[in-house]
């Protein structure tokens, strides 16, 4: 099991290259395959989501996971290329 996820990259500082290691804190305390992200959404959607989670006795995280799983089921996507 991976305890910490690190990003290693090189930067040019003070007239020479340095290797920098960044700890990915969005992964801390989460199970494998999960990450933290911040999204902006409409207030009315959030209220409906919270109400549904309450009445179904689920966490909001579980509700979003289920909604996205159903939405993405059967969708074909291409991997993004990063520059």
C-alpha atoms as a PDB file:
ATOM      1  CA  UNK A   1       0.000   0.000   0.000  1.00  0.00           C
ATOM      2  CA  UNK A   2       1.291   3.458  -0.877  1.00  0.00           C
ATOM      3  CA  UNK A   3       1.505   5.727   2.141  1.00  0.00           C
ATOM      4  CA  UNK A   4       2.345   8.957   0.364  1.00  0.00           C
ATOM      5  CA  UNK A   5       2.243  10.179  -3.212  1.00  0.00           C
ATOM      6  CA  UNK A   6       5.004  12.513  -4.328  1.00  0.00           C
ATOM      7  CA  UNK A   7       5.543  14.576  -7.446  1.00  0.00           C
ATOM      8  CA  UNK A   8       9.138  15.084  -8.471  1.00  0.00           C
ATOM      9  CA  UNK A   9      10.087  17.807 -10.920  1.00  0.00           C
ATOM     10  CA  UNK A  10      13.090  19.875 -11.806  1.00  0.00           C
ATOM     11  CA  UNK A  11      13.173  23.652 -11.601  1.00  0.00           C
ATOM     12  CA  UNK A  12      15.840  26.129 -12.577  1.00  0.00           C
ATOM     13  CA  UNK A  13      16.775  28.216  -9.539  1.00  0.00           C
ATOM     14  CA  UNK A  14      19.787  30.257  -8.604  1.00  0.00           C
ATOM     15  CA  UNK A  15      21.605  29.424 -11.851  1.00  0.00           C
ATOM     16  CA  UNK A  16      21.279  25.642 -11.530  1.00  0.00           C
ATOM     17  CA  UNK A  17      18.678  22.884 -11.732  1.00  0.00           C
ATOM     18  CA  UNK A  18      17.108  21.631  -8.509  1.00  0.00           C
ATOM     19  CA  UNK A  19      14.933  18.588  -7.970  1.00  0.00           C
ATOM     20  CA  UNK A  20      11.750  19.460  -6.104  1.00  0.00           C
ATOM     21  CA  UNK A  21       9.505  16.927  -4.370  1.00  0.00           C
ATOM     22  CA  UNK A  22       5.902  17.871  -3.676  1.00  0.00           C
ATOM     23  CA  UNK A  23       3.689  15.841  -1.371  1.00  0.00           C
ATOM     24  CA  UNK A  24       0.238  15.461  -2.915  1.00  0.00           C
ATOM     25  CA  UNK A  25      -1.900  16.359   0.098  1.00  0.00           C
ATOM     26  CA  UNK A  26      -5.126  15.746  -1.825  1.00  0.00           C
ATOM     27  CA  UNK A  27      -4.399  12.019  -1.409  1.00  0.00           C
ATOM     28  CA  UNK A  28      -3.717  12.045   2.334  1.00  0.00           C
ATOM     29  CA  UNK A  29      -6.013   9.875   4.426  1.00  0.00           C
ATOM     30  CA  UNK A  30      -7.869   8.453   1.418  1.00  0.00           C
ATOM     31  CA  UNK A  31      -8.204   4.925   0.112  1.00  0.00           C
ATOM     32  CA  UNK A  32      -6.403   4.001  -3.109  1.00  0.00           C
ATOM     33  CA  UNK A  33      -8.185   5.289  -6.187  1.00  0.00           C
ATOM     34  CA  UNK A  34      -9.674   8.354  -4.454  1.00  0.00           C
ATOM     35  CA  UNK A  35      -8.634  12.004  -4.524  1.00  0.00           C
ATOM     36  CA  UNK A  36      -9.940  15.345  -3.306  1.00  0.00           C
ATOM     37  CA  UNK A  37     -11.218  17.964  -5.726  1.00  0.00           C
ATOM     38  CA  UNK A  38     -13.066  21.255  -5.452  1.00  0.00           C
ATOM     39  CA  UNK A  39     -16.014  22.031  -7.713  1.00  0.00           C
ATOM     40  CA  UNK A  40     -18.428  24.906  -8.073  1.00  0.00           C
ATOM     41  CA  UNK A  41     -22.069  23.968  -8.453  1.00  0.00           C
ATOM     42  CA  UNK A  42     -25.493  25.531  -8.294  1.00  0.00           C
ATOM     43  CA  UNK A  43     -26.974  26.085  -4.840  1.00  0.00           C
ATOM     44  CA  UNK A  44     -30.226  24.328  -5.712  1.00  0.00           C
ATOM     45  CA  UNK A  45     -28.309  21.203  -6.815  1.00  0.00           C
ATOM     46  CA  UNK A  46     -26.366  21.188  -3.561  1.00  0.00           C
ATOM     47  CA  UNK A  47     -29.534  21.511  -1.471  1.00  0.00           C
ATOM     48  CA  UNK A  48     -31.198  18.636  -3.372  1.00  0.00           C
ATOM     49  CA  UNK A  49     -28.062  16.552  -3.014  1.00  0.00           C
ATOM     50  CA  UNK A  50     -27.880  17.168   0.742  1.00  0.00           C
ATOM     51  CA  UNK A  51     -31.588  16.418   1.193  1.00  0.00           C
ATOM     52  CA  UNK A  52     -31.353  13.201  -0.837  1.00  0.00           C
ATOM     53  CA  UNK A  53     -28.289  12.084   1.118  1.00  0.00           C
ATOM     54  CA  UNK A  54     -30.092  12.755   4.402  1.00  0.00           C
ATOM     55  CA  UNK A  55     -33.227  10.824   3.496  1.00  0.00           C
ATOM     56  CA  UNK A  56     -31.302   7.922   1.969  1.00  0.00           C
ATOM     57  CA  UNK A  57     -28.949   7.876   4.990  1.00  0.00           C
ATOM     58  CA  UNK A  58     -25.876   8.200   2.782  1.00  0.00           C
ATOM     59  CA  UNK A  59     -22.900  10.510   2.729  1.00  0.00           C
ATOM     60  CA  UNK A  60     -22.804  13.247   0.110  1.00  0.00           C
ATOM     61  CA  UNK A  61     -19.641  11.615  -1.231  1.00  0.00           C
ATOM     62  CA  UNK A  62     -21.578   8.390  -1.810  1.00  0.00           C
ATOM     63  CA  UNK A  63     -24.387  10.249  -3.566  1.00  0.00           C
ATOM     64  CA  UNK A  64     -21.988  12.030  -5.925  1.00  0.00           C
ATOM     65  CA  UNK A  65     -20.093   8.799  -6.599  1.00  0.00           C
ATOM     66  CA  UNK A  66     -23.324   7.003  -7.497  1.00  0.00           C
ATOM     67  CA  UNK A  67     -24.576   9.865  -9.700  1.00  0.00           C
ATOM     68  CA  UNK A  68     -21.298  10.106 -11.603  1.00  0.00           C
ATOM     69  CA  UNK A  69     -21.034   6.333 -11.953  1.00  0.00           C
ATOM     70  CA  UNK A  70     -24.505   6.185 -13.511  1.00  0.00           C
ATOM     71  CA  UNK A  71     -23.833   9.193 -15.751  1.00  0.00           C
ATOM     72  CA  UNK A  72     -20.492   7.849 -16.990  1.00  0.00           C
ATOM     73  CA  UNK A  73     -21.661   4.250 -17.402  1.00  0.00           C
ATOM     74  CA  UNK A  74     -21.164   3.226 -21.032  1.00  0.00           C
ATOM     75  CA  UNK A  75     -19.619   6.574 -22.059  1.00  0.00           C
ATOM     76  CA  UNK A  76     -16.579   6.338 -24.273  1.00  0.00           C
ATOM     77  CA  UNK A  77     -13.896   8.859 -23.427  1.00  0.00           C
ATOM     78  CA  UNK A  78     -10.471   9.628 -24.778  1.00  0.00           C
ATOM     79  CA  UNK A  79      -7.531  10.210 -22.475  1.00  0.00           C
ATOM     80  CA  UNK A  80      -6.445  13.837 -22.329  1.00  0.00           C
ATOM     81  CA  UNK A  81      -3.001  14.788 -23.487  1.00  0.00           C
ATOM     82  CA  UNK A  82      -1.129  17.160 -21.251  1.00  0.00           C
ATOM     83  CA  UNK A  83       1.356  19.704 -22.512  1.00  0.00           C
END
